[in-house]
């Protein structure tokens, strides 16, 4: 009986271990698709990607440089285009249908207070309170956007002092991180959401040369990034980044496509309100749900083994 229990327990532990290493899926836009910007679903673990049925491009709705993607707290995917859509001169925000890949041409929001003319390399993310943050490489500035077409500078223009083309928010209160472009800024940054000042955490390390990228957190708080290497005619790399050091691990490379410069995994995460006193360190690591379940199972197994010895 005890041997059967051990076997069943081993199988259960293996099942949880397999789920802990499950694939992570994310959305990204390939701005180099021959038929216009197209949304892809990417397996971050192995780099495989599946194009959504329809390109964002249409006769009436024609984004040509979608650089930022992010899910809001309600699960809607939004994109921001650095070019002109339907005659709009300024960058434009719009929702995207994740099943079809089509942009919603009836809900376009243009921002005349953002830099026009391209070259913004926008990074974009939603915080837990649904605040929308955007970075512009042109101005090296963090902005807060609303859905009325207003863009408010956070802190001061140029406060980032780095070419940051991807941002990701986590937690409540908000912790904001930025990914520098693939030049002297190829590092992970923390960004103060009050002052707009970016502070370098550390260089990415041994990753392939890239121009810009996208970044987002998964539901377990793991920070992922994807890099655009189209100028080198090389496929994008998928990175997993250490929040404490900035060091990046190359997890995979996209298999068939190049030109990915945005990343959206899911709605804002870790949104329970946290209050820290002077003795708390919010960076102290803890086990995730799978880890806690494994710990409980191991403790149960150990207790039963001890009880069996005492009974025998």
Protein backbone atom coordinates (compact mmCIF):
# COMPACT_ATOMS: atom_id res chain seq x y z
CA UNK A 1 0.00 0.00 0.00
CA UNK A 2 2.79 2.36 0.95
CA UNK A 3 4.62 1.67 -2.34
CA UNK A 4 1.46 2.49 -4.29
CA UNK A 5 1.12 5.73 -2.38
CA UNK A 6 4.74 6.63 -3.16
CA UNK A 7 4.20 5.91 -6.85
CA UNK A 8 1.04 8.03 -6.98
CA UNK A 9 2.79 10.82 -5.11
CA UNK A 10 5.73 10.74 -7.52
CA UNK A 11 3.38 11.02 -10.49
CA UNK A 12 1.59 13.95 -8.85
CA UNK A 13 4.85 15.76 -8.16
CA UNK A 14 5.94 15.17 -11.76
CA UNK A 15 2.66 16.64 -12.99
CA UNK A 16 3.16 19.82 -10.97
CA UNK A 17 6.78 20.04 -12.14
CA UNK A 18 5.64 19.78 -15.76
CA UNK A 19 3.07 22.51 -15.23
CA UNK A 20 5.73 24.72 -13.65
CA UNK A 21 7.68 24.54 -16.91
CA UNK A 22 4.66 25.06 -19.16
CA UNK A 23 4.86 27.16 -22.28
CA UNK A 24 4.34 30.91 -22.04
CA UNK A 25 2.41 32.55 -24.85
CA UNK A 26 2.54 36.19 -25.91
CA UNK A 27 1.43 38.52 -28.68
CA UNK A 28 3.70 40.62 -30.86
CA UNK A 29 3.39 42.64 -34.05
CA UNK A 30 5.74 41.97 -36.95
CA UNK A 31 6.22 45.35 -38.56
CA UNK A 32 8.17 43.77 -41.42
CA UNK A 33 5.40 41.54 -42.73
CA UNK A 34 5.16 41.87 -46.54
CA UNK A 35 1.40 42.53 -46.37
CA UNK A 36 1.62 45.11 -43.56
CA UNK A 37 1.76 44.95 -39.78
CA UNK A 38 0.43 41.61 -38.55
CA UNK A 39 -0.30 40.25 -35.07
CA UNK A 40 1.38 36.97 -34.05
CA UNK A 41 0.93 34.58 -31.14
CA UNK A 42 4.39 33.46 -30.01
CA UNK A 43 5.46 30.52 -27.87
CA UNK A 44 8.18 32.15 -25.79
CA UNK A 45 9.75 28.85 -24.78
CA UNK A 46 10.49 27.57 -28.29
CA UNK A 47 10.07 30.61 -30.57
CA UNK A 48 7.27 29.18 -32.72
CA UNK A 49 4.75 31.76 -33.90
CA UNK A 50 1.30 31.74 -35.47
CA UNK A 51 0.00 34.66 -37.51
CA UNK A 52 -3.52 35.90 -36.80
CA UNK A 53 -5.82 35.47 -39.83
CA UNK A 54 -5.95 39.12 -40.89
CA UNK A 55 -3.28 41.82 -41.04
CA UNK A 56 -3.85 45.06 -39.17
CA UNK A 57 -3.66 46.71 -42.60
CA UNK A 58 -6.93 47.54 -44.37
CA UNK A 59 -8.14 50.08 -46.90
CA UNK A 60 -9.67 52.39 -44.30
CA UNK A 61 -7.39 51.52 -41.42
CA UNK A 62 -3.73 51.35 -42.26
CA UNK A 63 -1.22 51.23 -39.39
CA UNK A 64 2.30 50.88 -40.73
CA UNK A 65 4.51 51.08 -37.66
CA UNK A 66 2.90 49.48 -34.59
CA UNK A 67 5.65 49.63 -31.97
CA UNK A 68 3.84 49.15 -28.65
CA UNK A 69 1.39 46.49 -27.45
CA UNK A 70 -0.21 46.06 -24.03
CA UNK A 71 -3.23 44.48 -22.36
CA UNK A 72 -5.35 46.69 -20.13
CA UNK A 73 -6.78 45.47 -16.82
CA UNK A 74 -9.96 44.31 -18.60
CA UNK A 75 -8.03 42.06 -20.99
CA UNK A 76 -8.28 44.25 -24.09
CA UNK A 77 -5.17 44.36 -26.27
CA UNK A 78 -4.12 47.84 -27.43
CA UNK A 79 -1.53 48.92 -29.98
CA UNK A 80 0.07 52.27 -30.68
CA UNK A 81 1.21 53.27 -34.16
CA UNK A 82 4.06 55.69 -34.79
CA UNK A 83 2.87 56.63 -38.25
CA UNK A 84 -0.28 58.13 -39.70
CA UNK A 85 -3.60 56.23 -39.68
CA UNK A 86 -6.60 57.37 -41.75
CA UNK A 87 -5.08 60.81 -42.19
CA UNK A 88 -4.14 61.33 -38.56
CA UNK A 89 -0.82 63.14 -38.39
CA UNK A 90 0.07 62.03 -34.87
CA UNK A 91 0.62 58.68 -33.11
CA UNK A 92 -2.58 56.70 -32.72
CA UNK A 93 -3.84 54.22 -30.13
CA UNK A 94 -6.37 51.50 -31.02
CA UNK A 95 -7.76 48.17 -29.70
CA UNK A 96 -6.95 44.88 -31.43
CA UNK A 97 -9.00 41.69 -31.76
CA UNK A 98 -6.62 38.93 -30.64
CA UNK A 99 -8.53 36.21 -32.50
CA UNK A 100 -8.62 37.85 -35.93
CA UNK A 101 -5.66 40.21 -35.53
CA UNK A 102 -7.74 43.11 -36.86
CA UNK A 103 -7.45 46.59 -35.44
CA UNK A 104 -10.64 48.43 -34.51
CA UNK A 105 -10.89 51.31 -36.95
CA UNK A 106 -13.94 52.78 -35.19
CA UNK A 107 -12.06 53.46 -31.96
CA UNK A 108 -8.92 55.39 -32.91
CA UNK A 109 -7.38 57.79 -30.41
CA UNK A 110 -4.85 60.28 -31.79
CA UNK A 111 -2.33 62.10 -29.57
CA UNK A 112 -1.23 65.48 -30.91
CA UNK A 113 0.92 66.04 -27.80
CA UNK A 114 3.17 63.08 -28.67
CA UNK A 115 6.10 63.56 -31.10
CA UNK A 116 5.08 63.06 -34.73
CA UNK A 117 7.10 61.92 -37.71
CA UNK A 118 8.09 58.46 -36.50
CA UNK A 119 11.27 57.30 -34.72
CA UNK A 120 9.54 57.16 -31.34
CA UNK A 121 10.14 53.41 -30.89
CA UNK A 122 7.25 53.46 -28.43
CA UNK A 123 7.24 51.28 -25.34
CA UNK A 124 3.80 50.79 -23.78
CA UNK A 125 2.30 49.20 -20.65
CA UNK A 126 -0.75 49.39 -18.41
CA UNK A 127 -0.42 49.54 -14.63
CA UNK A 128 -2.78 47.76 -12.23
CA UNK A 129 -4.95 50.89 -11.92
CA UNK A 130 -5.19 50.95 -15.75
CA UNK A 131 -2.87 53.94 -16.05
CA UNK A 132 -1.32 53.80 -19.53
CA UNK A 133 2.40 54.61 -19.75
CA UNK A 134 4.28 55.19 -23.01
CA UNK A 135 7.95 55.98 -23.66
CA UNK A 136 9.36 57.87 -26.66
CA UNK A 137 12.95 57.38 -27.79
CA UNK A 138 12.74 60.63 -29.76
CA UNK A 139 12.18 62.64 -26.58
CA UNK A 140 13.69 60.15 -24.08
CA UNK A 141 10.55 60.79 -22.07
CA UNK A 142 7.87 58.89 -20.14
CA UNK A 143 4.25 59.87 -20.84
CA UNK A 144 0.93 59.07 -19.19
CA UNK A 145 -1.90 58.71 -21.73
CA UNK A 146 -5.65 58.86 -21.29
CA UNK A 147 -8.40 57.74 -23.67
CA UNK A 148 -9.35 61.29 -24.65
CA UNK A 149 -6.19 61.89 -26.67
CA UNK A 150 -4.15 63.57 -23.94
CA UNK A 151 -0.49 62.72 -23.26
CA UNK A 152 1.01 64.10 -20.05
CA UNK A 153 4.78 64.23 -19.57
CA UNK A 154 5.83 62.40 -16.41
CA UNK A 155 8.45 64.49 -14.63
CA UNK A 156 10.24 66.39 -17.36
CA UNK A 157 11.11 65.98 -21.02
CA UNK A 158 14.30 63.93 -21.39
CA UNK A 159 14.19 62.59 -17.82
CA UNK A 160 14.73 58.99 -18.99
CA UNK A 161 18.15 59.95 -20.38
CA UNK A 162 18.24 56.64 -22.28
CA UNK A 163 16.80 55.17 -25.49
CA UNK A 164 14.11 53.01 -23.87
CA UNK A 165 11.86 51.30 -26.43
CA UNK A 166 10.02 48.83 -24.18
CA UNK A 167 8.45 49.13 -20.74
CA UNK A 168 6.60 46.79 -18.39
CA UNK A 169 4.70 47.53 -15.18
CA UNK A 170 4.00 45.20 -12.27
CA UNK A 171 2.52 45.43 -8.80
CA UNK A 172 0.49 47.85 -6.72
CA UNK A 173 2.02 50.36 -6.10
CA UNK A 174 3.42 50.36 -9.63
CA UNK A 175 6.97 49.26 -10.32
CA UNK A 176 8.00 50.22 -13.86
CA UNK A 177 10.90 48.72 -15.83
CA UNK A 178 12.41 49.74 -19.16
CA UNK A 179 14.47 47.99 -21.84
CA UNK A 180 17.12 50.06 -23.56
CA UNK A 181 17.67 49.94 -27.31
CA UNK A 182 20.45 47.72 -28.56
CA UNK A 183 23.27 50.25 -28.42
CA UNK A 184 24.95 51.73 -25.38
CA UNK A 185 21.54 51.55 -23.67
CA UNK A 186 21.16 47.73 -23.96
CA UNK A 187 20.32 47.33 -20.29
CA UNK A 188 17.42 46.94 -17.89
CA UNK A 189 16.24 50.11 -16.14
CA UNK A 190 13.89 50.95 -13.30
CA UNK A 191 11.71 54.00 -13.97
CA UNK A 192 10.25 56.29 -11.32
CA UNK A 193 6.58 56.83 -12.18
CA UNK A 194 6.59 60.19 -10.36
CA UNK A 195 9.69 61.78 -11.87
CA UNK A 196 10.12 59.82 -15.13
CA UNK A 197 13.79 59.23 -14.26
CA UNK A 198 15.33 55.94 -15.39
CA UNK A 199 17.99 54.25 -13.27
CA UNK A 200 20.12 51.50 -14.76
CA UNK A 201 19.85 48.11 -13.04
CA UNK A 202 22.40 46.32 -15.19
CA UNK A 203 23.38 45.32 -18.74
CA UNK A 204 21.61 42.48 -20.50
CA UNK A 205 24.90 40.69 -21.07
CA UNK A 206 25.47 38.02 -23.72
CA UNK A 207 22.52 38.59 -26.07
CA UNK A 208 22.53 39.11 -29.81
CA UNK A 209 22.81 42.58 -31.31
CA UNK A 210 19.41 44.21 -31.76
CA UNK A 211 17.81 47.57 -32.54
CA UNK A 212 14.74 47.75 -30.30
CA UNK A 213 12.39 45.40 -28.49
CA UNK A 214 9.25 44.63 -26.49
CA UNK A 215 8.80 43.56 -22.88
CA UNK A 216 6.10 42.27 -20.48
CA UNK A 217 5.56 40.32 -17.26
CA UNK A 218 3.81 36.95 -17.17
CA UNK A 219 1.29 36.00 -14.48
CA UNK A 220 4.06 34.62 -12.25
CA UNK A 221 6.00 37.90 -12.30
CA UNK A 222 8.68 36.70 -14.74
CA UNK A 223 9.96 39.47 -17.04
CA UNK A 224 10.17 38.52 -20.72
CA UNK A 225 11.49 40.50 -23.69
CA UNK A 226 11.75 40.11 -27.45
CA UNK A 227 14.31 41.87 -29.64
CA UNK A 228 14.05 43.21 -33.18
CA UNK A 229 17.05 42.06 -35.23
CA UNK A 230 15.62 42.80 -38.68
CA UNK A 231 18.42 45.22 -39.54
CA UNK A 232 20.75 42.22 -39.30
CA UNK A 233 18.29 40.01 -41.23
CA UNK A 234 18.22 37.73 -38.19
CA UNK A 235 15.32 36.28 -36.24
CA UNK A 236 14.20 37.85 -32.99
CA UNK A 237 15.52 36.54 -29.69
CA UNK A 238 13.24 35.82 -26.71
CA UNK A 239 14.82 36.81 -23.40
CA UNK A 240 14.08 36.15 -19.74
CA UNK A 241 15.46 38.98 -17.59
CA UNK A 242 16.66 39.01 -13.97
CA UNK A 243 15.03 41.96 -12.19
CA UNK A 244 17.85 42.31 -9.65
CA UNK A 245 20.82 42.32 -12.04
CA UNK A 246 19.38 43.08 -15.50
CA UNK A 247 21.11 39.99 -16.91
CA UNK A 248 19.16 38.30 -19.71
CA UNK A 249 18.93 34.61 -20.60
CA UNK A 250 18.29 33.79 -24.26
CA UNK A 251 15.40 31.32 -24.08
CA UNK A 252 14.63 30.93 -27.79
CA UNK A 253 14.71 32.57 -31.21
CA UNK A 254 11.70 33.06 -33.44
CA UNK A 255 11.66 30.36 -36.10
CA UNK A 256 10.28 31.93 -39.25
CA UNK A 257 9.77 35.63 -38.71
CA UNK A 258 11.86 38.73 -38.05
CA UNK A 259 10.86 42.27 -37.09
CA UNK A 260 9.13 41.77 -33.73
CA UNK A 261 9.41 44.92 -31.61
CA UNK A 262 6.53 44.64 -29.13
CA UNK A 263 5.35 42.11 -26.54
CA UNK A 264 2.08 41.61 -24.64
CA UNK A 265 1.47 38.56 -22.45
CA UNK A 266 -1.59 39.44 -20.37
CA UNK A 267 -3.31 42.03 -18.15
CA UNK A 268 -1.37 43.75 -15.34
CA UNK A 269 -0.25 41.28 -12.67
CA UNK A 270 0.55 41.20 -8.94
CA UNK A 271 -2.13 43.83 -8.38
CA UNK A 272 -3.00 43.19 -4.71
CA UNK A 273 -2.25 46.35 -2.74
CA UNK A 274 0.98 46.01 -0.75
CA UNK A 275 2.05 48.13 2.20
CA UNK A 276 5.69 47.85 3.30
CA UNK A 277 7.12 49.06 6.58
CA UNK A 278 10.77 49.99 7.11
CA UNK A 279 11.74 46.39 7.83
CA UNK A 280 10.16 44.93 4.70
CA UNK A 281 12.04 44.31 1.47
CA UNK A 282 9.62 43.93 -1.48
CA UNK A 283 12.31 42.13 -3.46
CA UNK A 284 12.55 39.16 -1.05
CA UNK A 285 11.71 36.14 -3.24
CA UNK A 286 8.95 33.69 -2.38
CA UNK A 287 7.57 30.52 -3.92
CA UNK A 288 4.86 30.84 -6.53
CA UNK A 289 1.65 28.78 -6.37
CA UNK A 290 3.23 25.70 -7.95
CA UNK A 291 6.19 25.96 -5.60
CA UNK A 292 3.92 26.16 -2.55
CA UNK A 293 1.94 23.11 -3.68
CA UNK A 294 5.15 21.17 -4.19
CA UNK A 295 6.36 22.20 -0.75
CA UNK A 296 3.10 20.97 0.84
CA UNK A 297 3.32 17.63 -0.98
CA UNK A 298 6.94 17.11 0.04
CA UNK A 299 6.12 17.88 3.67
CA UNK A 300 3.18 15.44 3.56
CA UNK A 301 5.42 12.76 2.10
CA UNK A 302 8.09 13.34 4.75
CA UNK A 303 5.52 13.22 7.58
CA UNK A 304 3.99 9.98 6.35
CA UNK A 305 7.42 8.39 6.00
CA UNK A 306 8.28 9.31 9.61
CA UNK A 307 4.94 8.01 10.91
CA UNK A 308 5.40 4.73 9.04
CA UNK A 309 8.81 4.17 10.64
CA UNK A 310 7.39 4.80 14.09
CA UNK A 311 4.44 2.45 13.55
CA UNK A 312 6.65 -0.34 12.21
